[in-house]
Amino acid sequence: MTGRKGDIVTWLFGLCAFLIILVFAYRNTFQANVNRIAISINRSVQTNGLEQEPLRILHLSDLHMENISITAEQIVADWKDEPLDLIAITGDFLDRARNIPKALAFVKTLLALKPKYGAYAVFGNHDYVLPPDQLAILKEGLNRLGCRVLQNEAVTLDCNGNKLHLIGIDDFATRRSNLSKAFAGADDKGIRLVLTHDPNIVLHMGPYHYDYLLAGHFHGGQIHWPKPYHLWKMGKLPRMNMVKGLHFYHGRPFYISEGLGQTGINIRLRSRPEITLHTLRVQAHSNTNPAAAQAAKANLETAPALAID
């Protein structure tokens, strides 16, 4: 009898511990980390002899309307006093068509922040679960609100008299990426900022130059305990220990957001929802000084590999 009582006590203790962890993991979904990333782009660009003013980009990813605890109203309240140039959303709005109105309402609220150059988005693998007609409704709704969806295409913005090529690469995980098509509209006379969902695409971008790339997809592991081994099936980057934060590949910087929502179950362990402000500053070099331009390129190519954990 004593043995049975001991087994029951052990079982109850284990159950209580599990429930405590579950409650803690659920609470994590309400507590977003705010990361501020400063990036200096050192390369020769046409700037009419003037350094480009910093570009401030509010980056959100993986909204997952089915499991999101952070509200758009919270984000607007927290960021309404900060000047923003762009809002970038790097995919995975939802899984189910019934949540399209919720996603559109979320983005409509975000646009109250009035970014100077607008809002842009790409789709992720979960968005492509939608039937084509429903995905078209989502895209049309976002475009109508003023959040332009980029699918293997580029737009060029005039930022303080300088060119910013905003390049949207479609989802790599679902084999929809078309690099030649995406870069077709971006010349080499400006800054190239890439938006995409699955960051594994950086491993295949050798001849396609970019200055900075924003992505999501991995959720920082979401359940990051003891290690996010479950991500290893999601491409080479997780096996290279690149699942969140700032990294360099072949000297080129890219950032992986932990995302705002969750998939499967609405919990996070050793991970939090993330809101990121990227500040890009161009350290411009005159085209008439090739030695300086070459030195800047060398500095970028030898930049250390960094990760924000």
Protein backbone atom coordinates (compact mmCIF):
# COMPACT_ATOMS: atom_id res chain seq x y z
CA MET A 1 0.00 0.00 0.00
CA THR A 2 2.85 2.33 0.87
CA GLY A 3 4.33 1.76 -2.56
CA ARG A 4 1.04 2.64 -4.25
CA LYS A 5 0.75 5.83 -2.20
CA GLY A 6 4.29 6.77 -3.16
CA ASP A 7 3.47 6.24 -6.83
CA ILE A 8 0.37 8.41 -6.54
CA VAL A 9 2.33 11.18 -4.80
CA THR A 10 5.00 11.04 -7.48
CA TRP A 11 2.38 11.13 -10.22
CA LEU A 12 0.58 14.09 -8.61
CA PHE A 13 3.85 15.95 -8.15
CA GLY A 14 4.74 15.41 -11.78
CA LEU A 15 1.29 16.56 -12.90
CA CYS A 16 1.52 19.72 -10.77
CA ALA A 17 4.99 20.48 -12.15
CA PHE A 18 3.72 20.01 -15.71
CA LEU A 19 0.74 22.31 -15.12
CA ILE A 20 2.98 24.98 -13.59
CA ILE A 21 5.30 24.85 -16.60
CA LEU A 22 2.29 25.00 -18.94
CA VAL A 23 0.91 28.09 -17.19
CA PHE A 24 4.35 29.73 -17.28
CA ALA A 25 4.74 28.88 -20.96
CA TYR A 26 1.32 30.35 -21.75
CA ARG A 27 2.13 33.56 -19.87
CA ASN A 28 5.27 33.94 -21.97
CA THR A 29 3.11 34.49 -25.04
CA PHE A 30 1.84 37.77 -23.54
CA GLN A 31 5.32 39.17 -22.83
CA ALA A 32 6.97 40.35 -26.03
CA ASN A 33 10.66 41.10 -26.23
CA VAL A 34 11.48 44.37 -27.94
CA ASN A 35 14.82 44.24 -29.75
CA ARG A 36 16.51 47.26 -31.28
CA ILE A 37 19.05 46.44 -33.95
CA ALA A 38 21.42 49.01 -35.46
CA ILE A 39 22.96 48.12 -38.81
CA SER A 40 25.61 50.10 -40.69
CA ILE A 41 25.76 49.38 -44.40
CA ASN A 42 29.24 50.05 -45.70
CA ARG A 43 29.28 50.12 -49.46
CA SER A 44 29.46 52.47 -52.39
CA VAL A 45 26.10 53.96 -53.29
CA GLN A 46 24.96 57.03 -55.17
CA THR A 47 24.11 59.51 -52.45
CA ASN A 48 25.04 62.80 -54.09
CA GLY A 49 27.85 63.16 -51.55
CA LEU A 50 25.50 62.94 -48.58
CA GLU A 51 25.16 60.13 -46.06
CA GLN A 52 21.71 58.64 -46.00
CA GLU A 53 19.60 59.35 -42.94
CA PRO A 54 18.83 56.30 -40.77
CA LEU A 55 15.92 54.16 -41.89
CA ARG A 56 13.71 52.88 -39.05
CA ILE A 57 11.86 49.64 -39.76
CA LEU A 58 9.35 48.03 -37.42
CA HIS A 59 9.60 44.30 -38.12
CA LEU A 60 6.88 41.79 -37.23
CA SER A 61 6.69 38.18 -38.31
CA ASP A 62 4.63 35.02 -37.87
CA LEU A 63 1.45 36.65 -36.60
CA HIS A 64 -0.48 33.34 -36.59
CA MET A 65 -3.92 34.73 -35.89
CA GLU A 66 -5.01 31.37 -34.48
CA ASN A 67 -2.57 31.66 -31.54
CA ILE A 68 -1.55 35.23 -30.79
CA SER A 69 -1.62 36.90 -27.40
CA ILE A 70 -0.17 40.31 -28.34
CA THR A 71 -2.77 42.74 -29.65
CA ALA A 72 -2.31 45.32 -32.36
CA GLU A 73 -3.65 47.92 -29.95
CA GLN A 74 -0.78 47.14 -27.56
CA ILE A 75 1.76 47.61 -30.32
CA VAL A 76 0.26 50.93 -31.40
CA ALA A 77 0.18 52.17 -27.80
CA ASP A 78 3.84 51.22 -27.29
CA TRP A 79 5.14 52.68 -30.56
CA LYS A 80 2.89 55.67 -31.28
CA ASP A 81 5.52 58.17 -30.14
CA GLU A 82 8.36 56.71 -32.21
CA PRO A 83 8.93 57.84 -35.80
CA LEU A 84 8.81 54.89 -38.19
CA ASP A 85 9.78 54.75 -41.84
CA LEU A 86 8.52 51.25 -42.68
CA ILE A 87 6.50 48.41 -41.25
CA ALA A 88 7.69 45.02 -42.53
CA ILE A 89 5.71 41.82 -41.94
CA THR A 90 7.59 38.68 -42.95
CA GLY A 91 4.88 36.10 -43.42
CA ASP A 92 2.60 33.56 -41.75
CA PHE A 93 -0.46 35.68 -41.07
CA LEU A 94 -2.72 32.68 -40.46
CA ASP A 95 -3.66 29.08 -41.25
CA ARG A 96 -7.41 29.23 -41.66
CA ALA A 97 -9.57 31.29 -43.99
CA ARG A 98 -12.00 32.17 -41.21
CA ASN A 99 -9.25 34.30 -39.63
CA ILE A 100 -8.75 36.53 -42.66
CA PRO A 101 -10.96 39.30 -41.18
CA LYS A 102 -8.98 39.08 -37.92
CA ALA A 103 -5.68 39.41 -39.79
CA LEU A 104 -6.91 42.38 -41.80
CA ALA A 105 -8.23 44.10 -38.68
CA PHE A 106 -4.86 43.55 -36.97
CA VAL A 107 -2.94 45.15 -39.85
CA LYS A 108 -5.45 47.99 -40.16
CA THR A 109 -4.83 48.86 -36.51
CA LEU A 110 -1.05 48.71 -37.00
CA LEU A 111 -1.27 51.21 -39.84
CA ALA A 112 -2.36 53.83 -37.32
CA LEU A 113 1.39 54.14 -36.67
CA LYS A 114 1.61 55.85 -40.09
CA PRO A 115 5.04 54.70 -41.28
CA LYS A 116 6.54 57.31 -43.58
CA TYR A 117 7.08 54.96 -46.53
CA GLY A 118 4.28 52.54 -45.86
CA ALA A 119 3.89 48.88 -44.91
CA TYR A 120 5.04 45.84 -46.87
CA ALA A 121 4.62 42.10 -46.40
CA VAL A 122 5.46 38.70 -47.80
CA PHE A 123 3.64 35.41 -47.37
CA GLY A 124 4.92 32.37 -45.48
CA ASN A 125 4.35 28.63 -45.66
CA HIS A 126 1.29 28.75 -43.38
CA ASP A 127 -0.39 31.36 -45.57
CA TYR A 128 -0.10 28.97 -48.51
CA VAL A 129 -2.21 26.43 -46.64
CA LEU A 130 -5.15 28.61 -47.71
CA PRO A 131 -7.01 27.71 -50.90
CA PRO A 132 -5.85 29.99 -53.76
CA ASP A 133 -9.10 31.96 -53.82
CA GLN A 134 -8.89 32.66 -50.08
CA LEU A 135 -5.22 33.64 -50.33
CA ALA A 136 -6.21 36.08 -53.08
CA ILE A 137 -8.80 37.59 -50.71
CA LEU A 138 -6.11 38.02 -48.03
CA LYS A 139 -3.68 39.61 -50.48
CA GLU A 140 -6.31 41.93 -51.94
CA GLY A 141 -7.43 42.96 -48.46
CA LEU A 142 -3.87 43.76 -47.33
CA ASN A 143 -3.13 45.74 -50.48
CA ARG A 144 -6.37 47.66 -50.12
CA LEU A 145 -5.45 48.63 -46.55
CA GLY A 146 -2.08 49.95 -47.72
CA CYS A 147 0.09 46.98 -46.76
CA ARG A 148 1.56 45.89 -50.08
CA VAL A 149 2.26 42.17 -50.49
CA LEU A 150 5.41 41.37 -52.46
CA GLN A 151 5.65 38.02 -54.23
CA ASN A 152 9.00 37.69 -56.00
CA GLU A 153 9.01 41.37 -56.87
CA ALA A 154 10.71 44.60 -55.92
CA VAL A 155 9.59 48.16 -55.39
CA THR A 156 11.89 51.16 -55.34
CA LEU A 157 11.32 53.91 -52.80
CA ASP A 158 12.81 57.39 -52.70
CA CYS A 159 14.14 57.76 -49.17
CA ASN A 160 15.56 61.20 -48.54
CA GLY A 161 16.75 61.41 -52.13
CA ASN A 162 18.29 57.92 -52.08
CA LYS A 163 17.04 54.70 -53.65
CA LEU A 164 15.77 51.92 -51.43
CA HIS A 165 14.99 48.70 -53.26
CA LEU A 166 12.52 46.71 -51.20
CA ILE A 167 12.69 43.13 -52.47
CA GLY A 168 10.08 40.55 -51.50
CA ILE A 169 11.17 36.93 -52.03
CA ASP A 170 8.34 34.42 -51.91
CA ASP A 171 8.42 31.50 -49.47
CA PHE A 172 11.44 29.21 -49.79
CA ALA A 173 9.99 26.38 -47.69
CA THR A 174 7.15 25.84 -50.17
CA ARG A 175 9.48 26.25 -53.18
CA ARG A 176 7.96 29.51 -54.34
CA SER A 177 11.15 31.58 -54.30
CA ASN A 178 12.25 33.03 -57.63
CA LEU A 179 15.39 35.08 -57.08
CA SER A 180 15.88 36.27 -60.65
CA LYS A 181 12.29 37.51 -60.79
CA ALA A 182 12.46 39.11 -57.35
CA PHE A 183 15.65 41.04 -58.13
CA ALA A 184 14.70 41.98 -61.69
CA GLY A 185 13.39 45.38 -60.64
CA ALA A 186 16.32 46.32 -58.38
CA ASP A 187 19.36 47.99 -59.95
CA ASP A 188 22.72 48.40 -58.21
CA LYS A 189 22.32 52.12 -57.56
CA GLY A 190 20.61 51.88 -54.20
CA ILE A 191 20.24 49.92 -50.99
CA ARG A 192 18.70 46.45 -51.26
CA LEU A 193 16.50 45.43 -48.34
CA VAL A 194 15.03 41.93 -48.63
CA LEU A 195 11.84 40.68 -46.98
CA THR A 196 11.23 36.93 -46.93
CA HIS A 197 9.76 34.32 -44.63
CA ASP A 198 12.13 31.35 -44.56
CA PRO A 199 15.71 32.56 -43.92
CA ASN A 200 17.22 29.40 -45.44
CA ILE A 201 17.08 31.30 -48.73
CA VAL A 202 20.28 33.15 -47.73
CA LEU A 203 22.24 29.96 -48.40
CA HIS A 204 21.26 30.19 -52.07
CA MET A 205 21.71 33.90 -52.79
CA GLY A 206 25.37 33.91 -53.83
CA PRO A 207 25.16 36.16 -56.94
CA TYR A 208 22.19 38.15 -55.65
CA HIS A 209 23.56 40.99 -53.58
CA TYR A 210 21.55 42.39 -50.69
CA ASP A 211 22.44 44.80 -47.91
CA TYR A 212 20.10 43.47 -45.23
CA LEU A 213 17.50 40.70 -45.06
CA LEU A 214 14.56 40.26 -42.68
CA ALA A 215 12.88 36.89 -42.07
CA GLY A 216 11.07 34.78 -39.48
CA HIS A 217 9.75 31.20 -39.71
CA PHE A 218 11.54 29.46 -36.81
CA HIS A 219 9.80 31.20 -33.85
CA GLY A 220 13.15 30.98 -32.05
CA GLY A 221 12.22 27.36 -31.47
CA GLN A 222 8.99 28.37 -29.63
CA ILE A 223 9.60 25.45 -27.27
CA HIS A 224 13.32 25.98 -26.95
CA TRP A 225 14.07 23.33 -24.34
CA PRO A 226 16.61 21.98 -23.89
CA LYS A 227 17.50 22.81 -27.51
CA PRO A 228 15.24 23.38 -30.53
CA TYR A 229 16.13 20.04 -32.10
CA HIS A 230 12.71 19.90 -33.74
CA LEU A 231 13.85 22.70 -36.06
CA TRP A 232 16.54 20.59 -37.67
CA LYS A 233 14.04 19.31 -40.20
CA MET A 234 13.42 22.94 -41.27
CA GLY A 235 16.60 23.39 -43.27
CA LYS A 236 20.32 23.91 -42.79
CA LEU A 237 20.27 27.13 -40.76
CA PRO A 238 18.98 25.50 -37.53
CA ARG A 239 21.76 22.92 -37.81
CA MET A 240 24.16 25.86 -38.03
CA ASN A 241 22.67 27.25 -34.79
CA MET A 242 21.00 30.12 -36.65
CA VAL A 243 17.39 30.20 -35.45
CA LYS A 244 16.94 33.75 -34.17
CA GLY A 245 18.59 37.13 -34.06
CA LEU A 246 21.28 38.76 -36.15
CA HIS A 247 23.64 36.65 -38.25
CA PHE A 248 26.07 37.04 -41.13
CA TYR A 249 26.49 34.67 -44.05
CA HIS A 250 29.28 35.38 -46.50
CA GLY A 251 29.60 38.77 -44.85
CA ARG A 252 25.99 39.77 -45.47
CA PRO A 253 23.71 40.51 -42.50
CA PHE A 254 20.30 38.94 -42.00
CA TYR A 255 17.87 38.88 -39.10
CA ILE A 256 15.53 36.08 -37.96
CA SER A 257 12.58 37.25 -35.88
CA GLU A 258 11.13 34.96 -33.20
CA GLY A 259 7.69 35.98 -34.43
CA LEU A 260 4.67 37.38 -32.69
CA GLY A 261 2.27 34.43 -32.63
CA GLN A 262 2.55 30.69 -32.03
CA THR A 263 1.77 27.51 -33.93
CA GLY A 264 0.25 24.30 -32.63
CA ILE A 265 -0.36 25.30 -29.03
CA ASN A 266 -0.24 28.82 -27.62
CA ILE A 267 2.84 28.43 -25.43
CA ARG A 268 6.53 29.37 -25.47
CA LEU A 269 9.43 28.00 -23.44
CA ARG A 270 12.76 29.87 -23.45
CA SER A 271 11.30 32.01 -26.20
CA ARG A 272 9.14 35.12 -26.30
CA PRO A 273 7.13 36.91 -28.97
CA GLU A 274 9.31 39.52 -30.63
CA ILE A 275 8.90 43.06 -31.93
CA THR A 276 12.00 44.44 -33.60
CA LEU A 277 13.08 47.93 -34.60
CA HIS A 278 15.86 47.89 -37.17
CA THR A 279 17.77 51.12 -37.72
CA LEU A 280 19.74 51.12 -40.96
CA ARG A 281 22.42 53.71 -41.52
CA VAL A 282 24.44 53.89 -44.72
CA GLN A 283 28.11 54.71 -44.41
CA ALA A 284 28.31 56.00 -47.97
CA HIS A 285 31.50 56.11 -49.98
CA SER A 286 31.98 58.24 -53.08
CA ASN A 287 32.24 56.30 -56.33
CA THR A 288 35.26 58.49 -57.12
CA ASN A 289 37.24 56.84 -54.30
CA PRO A 290 37.61 53.16 -55.28
CA ALA A 291 40.15 52.47 -52.53
CA ALA A 292 37.67 53.51 -49.84
CA ALA A 293 34.92 51.47 -51.45
CA GLN A 294 37.17 48.41 -51.55
CA ALA A 295 38.08 48.88 -47.88
CA ALA A 296 34.40 49.09 -46.94
CA LYS A 297 33.71 45.87 -48.83
CA ALA A 298 36.58 44.14 -47.04
CA ASN A 299 35.24 45.27 -43.66
CA LEU A 300 31.82 43.82 -44.43
CA GLU A 301 33.21 40.52 -45.73
CA THR A 302 35.20 39.98 -42.54
CA ALA A 303 32.41 40.99 -40.15
CA PRO A 304 32.03 38.57 -37.20
CA ALA A 305 29.09 36.20 -36.99
CA LEU A 306 26.78 37.48 -34.30
CA ALA A 307 23.61 36.11 -32.75
CA ILE A 308 21.20 37.75 -30.35
CA ASP A 309 19.99 35.18 -27.82
